Amino acid sequence: MFGIVGWLIAIPTLLGIALGVWIDSKFPSQYSWTLMLLFVGVVFGCINAWYWIERERGDD
């Protein structure tokens, strides 16, 4: 279960970083899209993991 929760957080985080790096390389600005999308990925991953845990807890 801990492995799945870890992946549920890691995958959106890595996708956010990858997208942010791509945006920063193509469209330079004073704001770091990498950092912003890293944060969005972590938040989305945590919400996703929370919903998954609540769903699994309800199946008992």
Protein backbone atom coordinates (compact mmCIF):
# COMPACT_ATOMS: atom_id res chain seq x y z
CA MET A 1 0.00 0.00 0.00
CA PHE A 2 2.84 2.43 0.83
CA GLY A 3 4.43 1.80 -2.55
CA ILE A 4 1.22 2.67 -4.37
CA VAL A 5 0.77 5.83 -2.31
CA GLY A 6 4.35 6.81 -3.10
CA TRP A 7 3.80 6.36 -6.81
CA LEU A 8 0.52 8.26 -6.65
CA ILE A 9 2.49 11.25 -5.35
CA ALA A 10 5.70 10.77 -7.35
CA ILE A 11 4.21 10.48 -10.84
CA PRO A 12 2.25 13.79 -10.86
CA THR A 13 5.24 15.50 -9.24
CA LEU A 14 7.64 14.26 -11.92
CA LEU A 15 5.18 15.13 -14.68
CA GLY A 16 4.86 18.65 -13.25
CA ILE A 17 8.64 19.03 -13.14
CA ALA A 18 9.04 17.77 -16.71
CA LEU A 19 6.34 20.11 -18.00
CA GLY A 20 7.81 23.02 -16.04
CA VAL A 21 11.31 22.43 -17.40
CA TRP A 22 9.90 22.31 -20.93
CA ILE A 23 7.91 25.53 -20.45
CA ASP A 24 10.91 27.28 -18.89
CA SER A 25 13.13 26.29 -21.81
CA LYS A 26 10.62 27.36 -24.49
CA PHE A 27 9.14 30.46 -22.87
CA PRO A 28 11.58 32.13 -20.46
CA SER A 29 9.99 34.40 -17.88
CA GLN A 30 10.75 35.89 -14.50
CA TYR A 31 8.73 33.11 -12.82
CA SER A 32 9.90 29.52 -12.53
CA TRP A 33 7.28 27.26 -14.06
CA THR A 34 9.28 24.28 -12.82
CA LEU A 35 8.80 25.26 -9.19
CA MET A 36 5.15 26.18 -9.64
CA LEU A 37 4.30 22.93 -11.41
CA LEU A 38 6.36 20.96 -8.89
CA PHE A 39 4.11 22.34 -6.16
CA VAL A 40 0.96 21.67 -8.21
CA GLY A 41 2.13 18.09 -8.86
CA VAL A 42 2.78 17.43 -5.17
CA VAL A 43 -0.61 18.86 -4.17
CA PHE A 44 -2.42 16.91 -6.88
CA GLY A 45 -0.54 13.74 -5.95
CA CYS A 46 -1.39 14.11 -2.27
CA ILE A 47 -5.06 14.68 -3.02
CA ASN A 48 -5.04 11.70 -5.37
CA ALA A 49 -3.38 9.50 -2.72
CA TRP A 50 -5.84 10.67 -0.09
CA TYR A 51 -8.82 9.75 -2.28
CA TRP A 52 -7.27 6.37 -3.04
CA ILE A 53 -6.69 5.62 0.65
CA GLU A 54 -10.25 6.67 1.54
CA ARG A 55 -11.63 4.44 -1.22
CA GLU A 56 -9.55 1.47 -0.03
CA ARG A 57 -10.55 2.06 3.59
CA GLY A 58 -14.23 2.01 2.60
CA ASP A 59 -13.95 -1.41 0.94
CA ASP A 60 -13.40 -3.21 4.26
